[in-house]
Protein backbone atom coordinates (compact mmCIF):
# COMPACT_ATOMS: atom_id res chain seq x y z
CA MET A 1 84.21 98.61 68.47
CA SER A 2 87.27 100.96 67.92
CA ASN A 3 90.88 100.28 68.23
CA GLN A 4 90.97 102.02 71.63
CA GLU A 5 88.47 99.28 73.09
CA ALA A 6 90.25 96.34 71.46
CA SER A 7 92.59 94.74 74.09
CA PHE A 8 95.92 93.54 73.34
CA GLU A 9 93.87 90.16 74.24
CA GLY A 10 91.24 90.79 71.42
CA ASN A 11 88.71 90.36 74.65
CA SER A 12 85.34 91.60 73.27
CA LYS A 13 85.04 94.31 75.95
CA GLU A 14 87.50 96.51 78.02
CA LEU A 15 88.16 95.83 81.70
CA ASN A 16 87.83 98.68 84.14
CA ALA A 17 90.81 99.68 85.99
CA LYS A 18 89.95 97.08 89.24
CA GLU A 19 89.20 93.80 86.76
CA LYS A 20 92.76 94.92 85.00
CA MET A 21 94.87 95.70 88.36
CA VAL A 22 93.49 92.27 89.88
CA ARG A 23 93.87 90.09 86.72
CA GLY A 24 96.97 91.40 86.14
CA SER A 25 97.98 90.99 89.71
CA LEU A 26 96.73 87.50 90.28
CA TRP A 27 99.16 86.46 87.06
CA MET A 28 102.45 88.44 88.48
CA THR A 29 101.40 87.24 92.08
CA ILE A 30 101.27 83.41 90.34
CA GLY A 31 104.40 83.77 88.69
CA ASN A 32 106.48 86.08 91.39
CA VAL A 33 105.18 83.71 93.81
CA LEU A 34 105.93 80.23 91.95
CA SER A 35 109.49 81.73 90.87
CA ARG A 36 110.65 82.54 94.89
CA LEU A 37 108.87 79.44 96.34
CA LEU A 38 111.09 77.12 93.57
CA GLY A 39 114.00 79.92 94.66
CA ALA A 40 113.47 78.86 98.08
CA ILE A 41 112.53 75.32 98.08
CA TYR A 42 115.64 74.46 96.36
CA ILE A 43 117.76 75.09 99.36
CA VAL A 44 116.56 72.36 101.33
CA PRO A 45 118.63 69.56 99.29
CA TRP A 46 121.42 72.01 98.35
CA TYR A 47 121.98 73.38 101.76
CA LEU A 48 121.99 69.45 103.11
CA TRP A 49 124.61 68.64 100.37
CA MET A 50 127.06 71.55 100.86
CA GLY A 51 127.43 69.90 104.80
CA GLU A 52 130.02 71.77 107.17
CA ASN A 53 130.32 74.28 104.49
CA ALA A 54 126.67 75.26 103.91
CA LYS A 55 126.73 78.45 105.82
CA VAL A 56 129.52 79.84 104.19
CA ALA A 57 128.83 78.83 100.72
CA ASN A 58 125.23 80.12 100.92
CA SER A 59 126.88 83.40 101.98
CA LEU A 60 129.21 83.57 99.07
CA PHE A 61 125.86 82.50 97.09
CA ASN A 62 124.44 85.74 98.14
CA LYS A 63 127.20 88.09 97.84
CA GLY A 64 127.95 86.85 94.27
CA TYR A 65 124.08 87.95 93.91
CA ASN A 66 124.24 91.32 94.94
CA ILE A 67 126.38 92.06 92.83
CA TYR A 68 124.76 90.54 90.17
CA ALA A 69 121.34 91.92 90.75
CA LEU A 70 122.84 95.62 90.72
CA PHE A 71 124.21 94.66 87.52
CA LEU A 72 121.21 93.38 86.24
CA MET A 73 119.47 96.84 87.11
CA ILE A 74 122.33 98.54 85.51
CA ALA A 75 122.15 96.55 82.31
CA THR A 76 118.47 97.19 82.02
CA ALA A 77 118.46 100.64 82.99
CA GLY A 78 115.22 100.06 84.52
CA ILE A 79 114.13 99.47 80.87
CA PRO A 80 111.06 96.76 82.10
CA GLY A 81 109.31 99.64 83.75
CA ALA A 82 109.97 102.31 81.27
CA ILE A 83 108.94 100.74 78.30
CA ALA A 84 105.98 99.45 80.11
CA LYS A 85 104.94 102.78 81.12
CA GLN A 86 106.13 104.75 77.83
CA ILE A 87 104.01 101.70 75.78
CA SER A 88 100.86 102.03 77.98
CA TYR A 89 100.87 105.96 77.40
CA TYR A 90 100.91 105.59 73.63
CA ASN A 91 98.23 103.02 73.49
CA SER A 92 96.23 105.12 75.53
CA GLN A 93 96.83 107.66 72.83
CA ASN A 94 95.71 104.86 70.13
CA GLU A 95 99.16 105.33 68.53
CA TYR A 96 99.93 101.33 68.49
CA ARG A 97 102.86 102.44 65.73
CA ILE A 98 104.72 104.18 67.98
CA SER A 99 104.58 101.64 70.87
CA GLN A 100 105.87 98.57 68.40
CA ARG A 101 108.34 101.30 67.02
CA LEU A 102 109.62 101.87 70.49
CA PHE A 103 109.78 98.14 71.21
CA LYS A 104 111.89 97.14 68.21
CA ARG A 105 114.13 99.92 68.57
CA THR A 106 114.78 99.52 72.32
CA LEU A 107 115.24 95.77 72.14
CA ILE A 108 118.46 96.52 69.91
CA ILE A 109 119.92 98.82 71.99
CA MET A 110 119.71 96.81 75.15
CA ALA A 111 121.24 93.76 73.50
CA GLY A 112 124.10 95.92 72.71
CA PHE A 113 124.39 96.90 76.08
CA GLY A 114 123.98 93.57 77.72
CA VAL A 115 127.34 92.94 75.91
CA ALA A 116 128.92 95.92 77.93
CA CYS A 117 127.66 95.45 80.90
CA ALA A 118 128.36 91.49 81.31
CA GLY A 119 132.27 92.47 80.03
CA VAL A 120 132.62 95.64 82.76
CA MET A 121 131.25 92.75 85.46
CA TYR A 122 133.50 90.14 84.19
CA PHE A 123 136.56 92.38 84.08
CA LEU A 124 135.92 94.34 87.19
CA SER A 125 135.24 91.01 89.23
CA PRO A 126 138.40 90.80 91.04
CA ILE A 127 137.92 94.72 92.62
CA LEU A 128 134.53 93.99 93.19
CA ALA A 129 135.21 90.89 95.17
CA ALA A 130 137.04 93.15 97.74
CA GLY A 131 139.80 90.77 98.64
CA ASP A 132 137.76 87.47 98.76
CA LYS A 133 139.00 85.32 95.80
CA ASN A 134 136.05 82.56 95.85
CA LEU A 135 134.02 85.44 95.05
CA ILE A 136 136.17 86.21 91.31
CA PRO A 137 134.91 82.96 89.55
CA VAL A 138 131.16 83.45 91.39
CA MET A 139 130.51 86.90 89.89
CA ARG A 140 132.27 85.71 86.22
CA ALA A 141 129.19 82.75 86.13
CA LEU A 142 126.89 85.53 86.77
CA SER A 143 128.44 87.90 84.11
CA VAL A 144 127.15 85.73 81.50
CA ALA A 145 123.55 86.06 82.58
CA VAL A 146 123.60 89.85 82.15
CA LEU A 147 124.24 89.12 78.11
CA VAL A 148 120.45 87.78 78.09
CA PHE A 149 118.75 89.97 81.23
CA PRO A 150 118.21 93.07 79.28
CA SER A 151 116.60 92.52 75.75
CA MET A 152 114.73 89.83 77.92
CA SER A 153 113.32 92.42 79.99
CA VAL A 154 112.36 94.53 76.84
CA ILE A 155 110.05 91.91 75.85
CA ARG A 156 108.60 91.64 79.48
CA GLY A 157 108.24 95.08 79.73
CA TYR A 158 106.32 95.19 76.00
CA PHE A 159 103.87 92.56 77.37
CA GLN A 160 103.61 94.64 80.65
CA GLY A 161 102.96 97.85 78.87
CA ASN A 162 99.90 96.64 76.88
CA GLN A 163 98.42 95.09 80.25
CA ASP A 164 99.30 91.50 79.19
CA MET A 165 100.85 89.87 82.14
CA MET A 166 100.79 86.47 81.69
CA PRO A 167 103.57 85.88 79.39
CA ALA A 168 105.99 87.70 82.14
CA ALA A 169 104.58 85.46 84.97
CA VAL A 170 104.98 82.24 82.57
CA SER A 171 108.46 83.28 81.82
CA GLN A 172 109.23 83.85 85.50
CA ILE A 173 108.46 80.05 85.94
CA ILE A 174 110.00 78.16 83.33
CA GLU A 175 113.13 80.60 84.28
CA GLN A 176 113.35 79.20 87.85
CA VAL A 177 112.45 75.71 86.51
CA ALA A 178 115.50 75.74 84.49
CA ARG A 179 117.73 77.04 87.03
CA VAL A 180 116.66 75.22 89.73
CA PHE A 181 117.03 71.63 88.08
CA TYR A 182 120.75 72.59 86.74
CA MET A 183 122.07 74.06 89.96
CA LEU A 184 120.59 71.25 91.91
CA LEU A 185 121.87 68.67 89.23
CA THR A 186 125.52 69.89 89.45
CA ALA A 187 125.55 70.41 93.02
CA PHE A 188 124.64 67.19 93.73
CA MET A 189 127.46 65.91 91.08
CA ILE A 190 130.06 68.26 92.63
CA MET A 191 129.41 67.98 96.26
CA LYS A 192 128.21 64.03 96.15
CA LEU A 193 129.52 62.21 93.07
CA GLY A 194 132.90 64.33 92.02
CA SER A 195 135.81 66.59 94.24
CA GLY A 196 133.68 68.04 96.99
CA ASP A 197 134.65 71.21 96.60
CA TYR A 198 131.84 73.71 97.61
CA VAL A 199 133.39 76.86 95.61
CA SER A 200 132.63 74.92 92.55
CA ALA A 201 129.54 74.16 93.41
CA VAL A 202 129.00 77.66 94.06
CA VAL A 203 130.03 78.68 90.52
CA GLN A 204 128.00 76.35 88.84
CA SER A 205 124.65 77.10 91.38
CA THR A 206 125.02 80.97 89.76
CA PHE A 207 125.88 79.82 86.42
CA ALA A 208 122.52 78.26 86.58
CA ALA A 209 120.50 81.84 86.07
CA PHE A 210 122.09 81.72 82.57
CA ILE A 211 120.84 78.48 81.52
CA GLY A 212 117.07 79.69 83.07
CA MET A 213 117.10 82.96 81.36
CA ILE A 214 117.42 80.97 77.83
CA GLY A 215 114.25 78.95 79.12
CA ALA A 216 112.45 82.30 79.83
CA TYR A 217 113.59 83.96 76.83
CA GLY A 218 112.31 81.01 74.33
CA ALA A 219 108.69 81.35 76.42
CA LEU A 220 108.67 85.38 75.33
CA ILE A 221 109.77 84.83 71.78
CA TRP A 222 107.00 82.34 71.43
CA PHE A 223 104.04 84.53 73.16
CA TYR A 224 105.13 87.20 70.80
CA LEU A 225 104.55 85.17 67.81
CA LYS A 226 101.71 84.27 68.69
CA GLN A 227 99.75 87.51 69.90
CA LYS A 228 101.69 89.40 67.11
CA PRO A 229 98.49 89.14 64.20
CA GLU A 230 96.53 91.16 66.91
CA MET A 231 99.08 93.96 67.32
CA ASP A 232 99.59 94.34 63.61
CA ARG A 233 95.75 94.68 63.66
CA LEU A 234 96.17 97.50 66.70
CA VAL A 235 99.18 99.04 64.69
CA ALA A 236 97.22 98.95 61.21
CA GLY A 237 94.31 101.17 63.05
CA SER A 238 96.50 103.58 64.96
CA SER A 239 95.72 107.23 64.99
CA ASN A 240 99.15 108.34 63.43
CA GLU A 241 98.33 111.98 64.79
CA ILE A 242 101.56 112.26 66.83
CA THR A 243 105.08 111.85 65.22
CA VAL A 244 108.19 111.19 66.97
CA SER A 245 111.70 110.51 65.34
CA GLU A 246 113.89 107.34 66.04
CA THR A 247 116.30 109.71 68.26
CA SER A 248 113.68 111.37 70.31
CA LEU A 249 112.12 107.74 71.11
CA VAL A 250 115.56 106.58 72.67
CA LYS A 251 115.91 109.69 74.04
CA GLU A 252 112.43 109.68 76.02
CA MET A 253 113.38 105.88 76.76
CA ILE A 254 116.73 106.63 78.31
CA ARG A 255 114.91 109.61 80.44
CA GLU A 256 112.69 107.40 81.81
CA ALA A 257 114.68 104.49 82.32
CA ILE A 258 117.20 106.42 84.55
CA PRO A 259 114.94 107.08 87.43
CA PHE A 260 113.97 103.28 87.15
CA ILE A 261 117.16 102.23 87.51
CA ILE A 262 117.87 104.07 90.71
CA VAL A 263 114.62 103.74 92.50
CA GLY A 264 114.67 99.92 91.35
CA SER A 265 118.25 99.20 92.72
CA ALA A 266 116.74 100.35 96.30
CA ILE A 267 116.80 97.08 97.80
CA THR A 268 120.02 95.93 96.44
CA ILE A 269 121.54 99.27 97.41
CA PHE A 270 120.75 98.73 100.94
CA LYS A 271 121.93 95.29 100.80
CA LEU A 272 125.42 95.92 98.96
CA VAL A 273 125.81 98.53 102.18
CA ASP A 274 125.29 95.60 104.59
CA GLN A 275 127.57 93.62 102.42
CA TYR A 276 130.24 95.99 102.31
CA THR A 277 130.26 97.21 106.27
CA PHE A 278 128.98 94.39 108.39
CA GLU A 279 132.02 92.26 108.27
CA PRO A 280 134.65 95.60 108.80
CA ILE A 281 132.03 96.89 111.34
CA MET A 282 131.82 93.49 113.29
CA SER A 283 135.47 92.79 112.91
CA GLY A 284 135.93 96.18 114.69
CA ILE A 285 134.12 95.80 117.91
CA THR A 286 133.98 91.83 118.24
CA SER A 287 136.65 88.61 118.11
CA PHE A 288 134.99 86.77 115.54
CA SER A 289 136.88 84.97 113.28
CA LYS A 290 136.31 85.89 109.30
CA ASP A 291 134.37 82.62 109.01
CA GLN A 292 132.40 83.24 111.65
CA LEU A 293 131.59 86.57 110.34
CA SER A 294 130.85 85.02 107.11
CA ALA A 295 128.09 82.75 108.52
CA LEU A 296 126.46 85.81 110.55
CA PHE A 297 125.80 87.32 107.27
CA SER A 298 124.32 84.31 106.05
CA ILE A 299 121.68 84.21 108.59
CA PHE A 300 120.79 88.08 108.71
CA SER A 301 121.21 88.53 105.18
CA ALA A 302 121.32 85.44 102.54
CA ASN A 303 118.72 82.89 104.56
CA PRO A 304 115.66 84.85 105.76
CA ASP A 305 115.80 86.86 101.86
CA LYS A 306 115.40 83.61 100.49
CA LEU A 307 111.97 83.62 102.34
CA VAL A 308 111.26 87.19 102.92
CA MET A 309 111.51 87.83 99.41
CA ILE A 310 108.71 85.60 98.73
CA ILE A 311 106.52 88.20 100.82
CA ILE A 312 108.20 91.01 98.95
CA SER A 313 107.64 89.15 95.25
CA LEU A 314 103.96 89.99 96.10
CA ALA A 315 104.54 93.79 96.28
CA SER A 316 106.40 93.61 93.32
CA GLY A 317 104.17 92.09 91.17
CA MET A 318 101.47 94.70 92.03
CA ALA A 319 103.41 97.32 91.41
CA MET A 320 104.54 96.33 87.97
CA THR A 321 100.80 95.65 86.97
CA SER A 322 99.65 99.24 88.59
CA LEU A 323 102.51 101.25 86.41
CA PRO A 324 100.77 101.15 83.23
CA LEU A 325 97.09 101.70 84.72
CA VAL A 326 98.41 104.34 86.87
CA THR A 327 100.11 106.06 83.79
CA GLU A 328 96.80 105.55 82.06
CA ALA A 329 94.82 107.09 84.11
CA TYR A 330 96.91 109.68 84.58
CA SER A 331 97.19 110.65 80.83
CA LYS A 332 93.80 110.63 80.18
CA LYS A 333 93.68 113.20 83.06
CA ASP A 334 91.05 111.11 84.94
CA GLU A 335 91.36 112.13 88.38
CA ALA A 336 88.49 110.46 89.95
CA GLY A 337 89.57 107.13 88.56
CA LEU A 338 93.15 107.87 89.39
CA ALA A 339 92.41 108.74 93.10
CA LYS A 340 90.51 105.62 93.43
CA LEU A 341 92.91 103.43 91.43
CA ILE A 342 95.86 104.72 94.31
CA SER A 343 93.57 104.26 97.34
CA ASP A 344 92.56 100.19 95.59
CA ASN A 345 96.55 99.78 95.09
CA ILE A 346 97.50 100.50 98.70
CA GLN A 347 94.30 98.28 100.22
CA LEU A 348 95.05 95.37 97.72
CA LEU A 349 98.78 95.38 98.83
CA PHE A 350 98.10 95.19 102.47
CA PHE A 351 95.26 92.85 101.70
CA ILE A 352 97.71 90.64 100.60
CA MET A 353 100.90 91.18 102.29
CA MET A 354 100.05 91.57 106.02
CA PRO A 355 98.40 87.89 106.69
CA ALA A 356 101.37 86.83 104.91
CA THR A 357 104.04 88.46 106.76
CA PHE A 358 102.36 87.67 110.13
CA GLY A 359 101.64 84.23 109.08
CA MET A 360 105.72 84.15 108.46
CA ILE A 361 106.50 84.98 111.81
CA ILE A 362 104.10 83.03 113.81
CA LEU A 363 105.53 79.87 111.79
CA ALA A 364 109.41 81.16 111.41
CA GLU A 365 110.64 78.47 113.67
CA PRO A 366 109.52 75.14 111.26
CA MET A 367 109.99 77.31 108.50
CA TYR A 368 113.75 78.06 109.08
CA VAL A 369 114.09 74.33 110.19
CA PHE A 370 112.55 73.24 107.29
CA PHE A 371 114.92 75.68 104.92
CA TYR A 372 118.00 75.43 106.94
CA GLN A 373 118.71 73.93 110.01
CA PRO A 374 117.50 74.58 113.66
CA ASP A 375 118.89 78.02 114.91
CA ALA A 376 117.31 80.34 117.29
CA LEU A 377 119.75 83.00 116.03
CA GLY A 378 118.18 82.60 112.84
CA VAL A 379 114.40 82.52 114.15
CA ASN A 380 114.50 85.32 115.63
CA VAL A 381 116.23 86.89 112.44
CA LEU A 382 113.64 85.60 110.02
CA ILE A 383 111.47 87.19 112.17
CA GLU A 384 112.61 90.74 112.18
CA ALA A 385 113.40 90.18 108.59
CA SER A 386 109.84 89.75 107.91
CA TYR A 387 108.33 92.82 109.28
CA VAL A 388 111.07 94.69 107.27
CA GLY A 389 109.75 92.83 104.26
CA LEU A 390 106.30 94.12 104.62
CA ILE A 391 108.15 98.10 104.70
CA MET A 392 109.76 96.92 101.71
CA GLY A 393 106.58 95.60 99.92
CA TYR A 394 105.16 99.43 100.53
CA PHE A 395 108.27 101.31 99.40
CA ILE A 396 108.36 99.20 96.23
CA LEU A 397 104.35 100.08 95.26
CA VAL A 398 104.51 103.95 96.22
CA SER A 399 107.82 104.26 94.85
CA THR A 400 106.70 102.70 91.31
CA THR A 401 103.38 104.45 91.36
CA LEU A 402 105.24 107.74 92.10
CA GLN A 403 107.26 107.39 88.83
CA GLY A 404 103.86 106.08 87.35
CA LEU A 405 103.09 110.09 87.73
CA TYR A 406 105.66 111.16 86.00
CA LYS A 407 107.36 112.36 89.50
CA ASN A 408 110.76 110.59 89.08
CA GLY A 409 113.17 113.38 90.56
CA ASP A 410 110.77 113.01 93.81
CA ALA A 411 111.24 109.13 93.86
CA ILE A 412 114.95 109.58 93.64
CA PHE A 413 115.01 112.47 96.08
CA ASN A 414 112.91 110.45 98.77
CA LEU A 415 115.07 107.02 98.15
CA GLY A 416 118.22 109.00 99.01
CA VAL A 417 116.61 110.28 102.03
CA GLY A 418 116.33 107.29 103.04
CA LEU A 419 119.77 105.84 101.81
CA LEU A 420 121.11 108.10 103.60
CA ILE A 421 119.53 107.52 106.91
CA LYS A 422 120.40 103.82 106.44
CA ILE A 423 124.11 104.78 106.24
CA VAL A 424 124.31 107.38 109.24
CA LEU A 425 122.13 104.57 111.18
CA GLN A 426 124.35 101.92 110.06
CA TYR A 427 127.58 101.84 112.52
CA PRO A 428 125.33 102.63 115.72
CA MET A 429 122.90 100.02 114.95
CA ILE A 430 125.32 97.26 114.11
CA ARG A 431 127.34 98.10 117.33
CA GLY A 432 124.36 98.10 119.37
CA PHE A 433 122.19 95.22 117.96
CA GLU A 434 124.83 93.19 115.93
CA VAL A 435 123.52 90.77 113.66
CA TYR A 436 119.98 92.84 114.01
CA GLY A 437 121.06 96.15 113.35
CA PRO A 438 121.30 96.03 109.36
CA LEU A 439 117.96 95.10 109.36
CA LEU A 440 117.00 98.03 111.73
CA ALA A 441 118.85 100.31 109.82
CA SER A 442 117.08 99.06 106.88
CA ALA A 443 113.76 99.35 107.94
CA ILE A 444 113.81 102.85 109.57
CA GLY A 445 115.44 103.94 105.86
CA PHE A 446 112.72 102.49 103.71
CA ALA A 447 109.99 103.59 106.25
CA VAL A 448 111.07 106.99 105.57
CA SER A 449 111.21 107.04 102.26
CA ALA A 450 107.74 105.15 101.56
CA TYR A 451 106.54 108.02 103.93
CA LEU A 452 107.56 110.81 102.18
CA MET A 453 106.36 109.24 98.46
CA THR A 454 102.97 108.45 100.08
CA LYS A 455 102.53 112.32 101.14
CA LYS A 456 103.95 113.22 97.59
CA ILE A 457 101.24 110.61 95.72
CA HIS A 458 98.56 111.69 98.11
CA LYS A 459 99.12 115.70 97.16
CA ILE A 460 99.06 114.82 93.79
CA THR A 461 95.97 112.55 93.62
CA ARG A 462 94.28 113.45 96.57
CA PHE A 463 93.39 109.96 96.94
CA ASN A 464 91.18 109.04 100.04
CA TYR A 465 93.22 108.55 102.72
CA SER A 466 91.02 108.55 105.56
CA LEU A 467 89.33 105.43 104.13
CA THR A 468 92.51 104.00 103.23
CA VAL A 469 93.76 103.75 106.63
CA ARG A 470 89.87 102.61 107.89
CA ARG A 471 90.53 99.32 105.60
CA ILE A 472 94.18 99.12 106.51
CA ILE A 473 93.31 98.71 110.33
CA LEU A 474 90.36 96.50 108.95
CA ILE A 475 92.93 93.95 107.41
CA PHE A 476 95.12 94.37 110.41
CA ILE A 477 92.32 93.02 112.58
CA LEU A 478 91.30 90.36 109.97
CA SER A 479 95.75 89.27 110.44
CA MET A 480 95.43 88.89 113.63
CA LEU A 481 92.54 86.87 113.69
CA MET A 482 93.91 84.98 111.24
CA CYS A 483 97.85 84.92 113.36
CA ALA A 484 95.23 83.50 116.45
CA SER A 485 93.98 80.27 114.43
CA VAL A 486 97.76 79.56 112.78
CA PHE A 487 98.83 79.78 116.34
CA LEU A 488 96.36 77.24 118.18
CA VAL A 489 97.07 75.10 115.12
CA ARG A 490 100.88 75.06 115.34
CA SER A 491 100.78 74.63 119.27
CA PHE A 492 98.05 71.76 119.00
CA LEU A 493 100.64 69.81 116.35
CA TYR A 494 103.68 71.05 118.35
CA LEU A 495 102.27 68.51 121.09
CA PHE A 496 102.64 65.91 118.70
CA LEU A 497 105.22 66.75 115.91
CA ASN A 498 108.77 67.94 116.83
CA PRO A 499 109.36 71.42 115.24
CA GLU A 500 113.13 70.77 114.81
CA ARG A 501 112.91 67.67 112.06
CA LYS A 502 112.61 68.52 108.92
CA PHE A 503 109.54 66.52 107.81
CA GLN A 504 107.64 67.45 110.85
CA ALA A 505 108.13 70.87 110.50
CA PHE A 506 107.16 70.62 106.90
CA LEU A 507 103.41 69.29 107.79
CA ILE A 508 103.38 72.02 110.70
CA ILE A 509 103.79 74.73 107.91
CA SER A 510 101.34 73.15 105.58
CA LEU A 511 98.27 72.24 107.95
CA SER A 512 98.94 75.80 109.70
CA VAL A 513 99.08 77.58 106.33
CA SER A 514 96.00 75.90 105.54
CA ALA A 515 93.93 76.91 108.46
CA GLY A 516 95.25 80.54 107.94
CA VAL A 517 93.96 80.45 104.14
CA ALA A 518 90.43 79.16 105.47
CA THR A 519 90.31 81.76 107.90
CA TYR A 520 91.66 84.71 106.70
CA GLY A 521 89.50 83.67 103.35
CA TRP A 522 86.02 83.40 105.31
CA LEU A 523 86.92 86.80 107.58
CA GLY A 524 87.38 88.65 104.03
CA LEU A 525 84.22 87.26 102.17
CA LYS A 526 82.28 87.63 105.33
CA THR A 527 82.77 91.06 105.56
CA ARG A 528 82.87 91.89 102.02
CA LEU A 529 86.05 93.04 101.63
CA ALA A 530 87.26 90.81 99.38
CA ASP A 531 84.35 92.00 97.15
CA LYS A 532 85.41 95.43 97.62
CA LEU A 533 89.05 94.85 96.62
CA LEU A 534 89.17 92.18 94.37
CA GLY A 535 86.24 93.13 92.34
CA GLU A 536 82.12 91.57 91.62
CA LYS A 537 83.10 88.09 90.63
CA VAL A 538 84.45 87.08 94.50
CA SER A 539 80.46 87.86 95.44
CA LYS A 540 79.77 84.82 93.40
CA ILE A 541 81.81 82.54 95.26
CA ARG A 542 80.50 84.22 98.83
CA LYS A 543 77.27 83.20 97.68
CA LYS A 544 78.09 79.63 96.10
CA LEU A 545 80.07 79.04 99.96
CA LYS A 546 76.58 80.70 101.24
CA ILE A 547 78.43 83.52 103.22
CA LYS A 548 76.02 86.02 104.11
């Protein structure tokens, strides 16, 4: 067996693109979903402990995280995607030695960059707070996490470039467990046993990000040391036909990283537009107080984000899994394989995201009650945010795919078009629809960007557009049938369970989701769609269940 045929994990046979995609997506989905679930479930006790200040505290938490997310993207400089892309490229050429040099050099650089970005965030926090004094200590608590994240992202990108998604997934879960444990512990001690100062509680809740990253970093180092002997073997068998200087490697990485930071920051940039425009615009057209506007911001941004991001995380996992596969196929000039990979990826995205999105819409009321409290406006906003989340998810996949095809300039330009549309529509949408307005403006902006990117991808790869659309229509029909079963179960449970009580809302969610998963799973197997998208192993499940 040649070195090219040897996988990073030492498997005896090379997996095909579909198997790699499904396996990688499974690990990334597990990691992202569990991570997001933990990041959402904590809100139940946390929101309760904050008492009458819950909405304002959540708004403060979210505003800090929006700025923090932007600094994370700046601090990593798009490294996870860029290093995954470049390592995949050199590995496909059997140049594992260059991959190792690239990884080690980038790790050193990003460790220093993390220190610089953390310092900038710390000292600029009074300016970035835009007059909100409570936001300053929150951002400074978050700046500590910026120290660690860049180098940690390099290691995650390294594993992803080697098409091994398990370490990144496991580290995500450990990160969230440590983070949630610390923030709930400190929130309880401050709000129930201590001073009751919600600002101090929020500060400690945001500092928990650093605690989580320490745990994740430790897990990644363990995986790296465990798999180092296999990688050393691959390095020893490198072709060594390509000569690249250290300076060239760094320049190459920076050139690839900049587009990733710009495109990867898209959702954060859109949210920052909301953060800095919503309250000023609303104060000019309404008579709401500052606290009321802060609560409204929480309703359309902070509250639905925690739930909708669970769905969006599915797309993020798939995008990071597909990136090295797309780059590998493109580098090898495998036109037929690339076209099929693109089509399969788009179908797989909708196969997973569409039922999840529509299921959340059907169960919006009990979900909002369980995580927050009864609120008709909050429920309606969550429904709208779910639709927007589906568009965002598709945008993430196609933007990452376009970058994997080395069309970074097109990805940035198309994002710019969408962002311009968002900015132009922001005022009229808020004026016309108030709290719904920012979400509508974001939906239109992302939809236009995603459409333009899809056209470009089709032009390059000539993937089977007609087949892809037909399969998406079929997925939509199956999702609607699933929704019917969820709606019936939910309606039945409403007869004797009160959706405005947390525990009863949880029962409604659990039983309805179970019915939905069973229905959609059966339909996917019955139509053979699951076989086509998930591979031959699914057919064995179908046969075991005696579904013909």
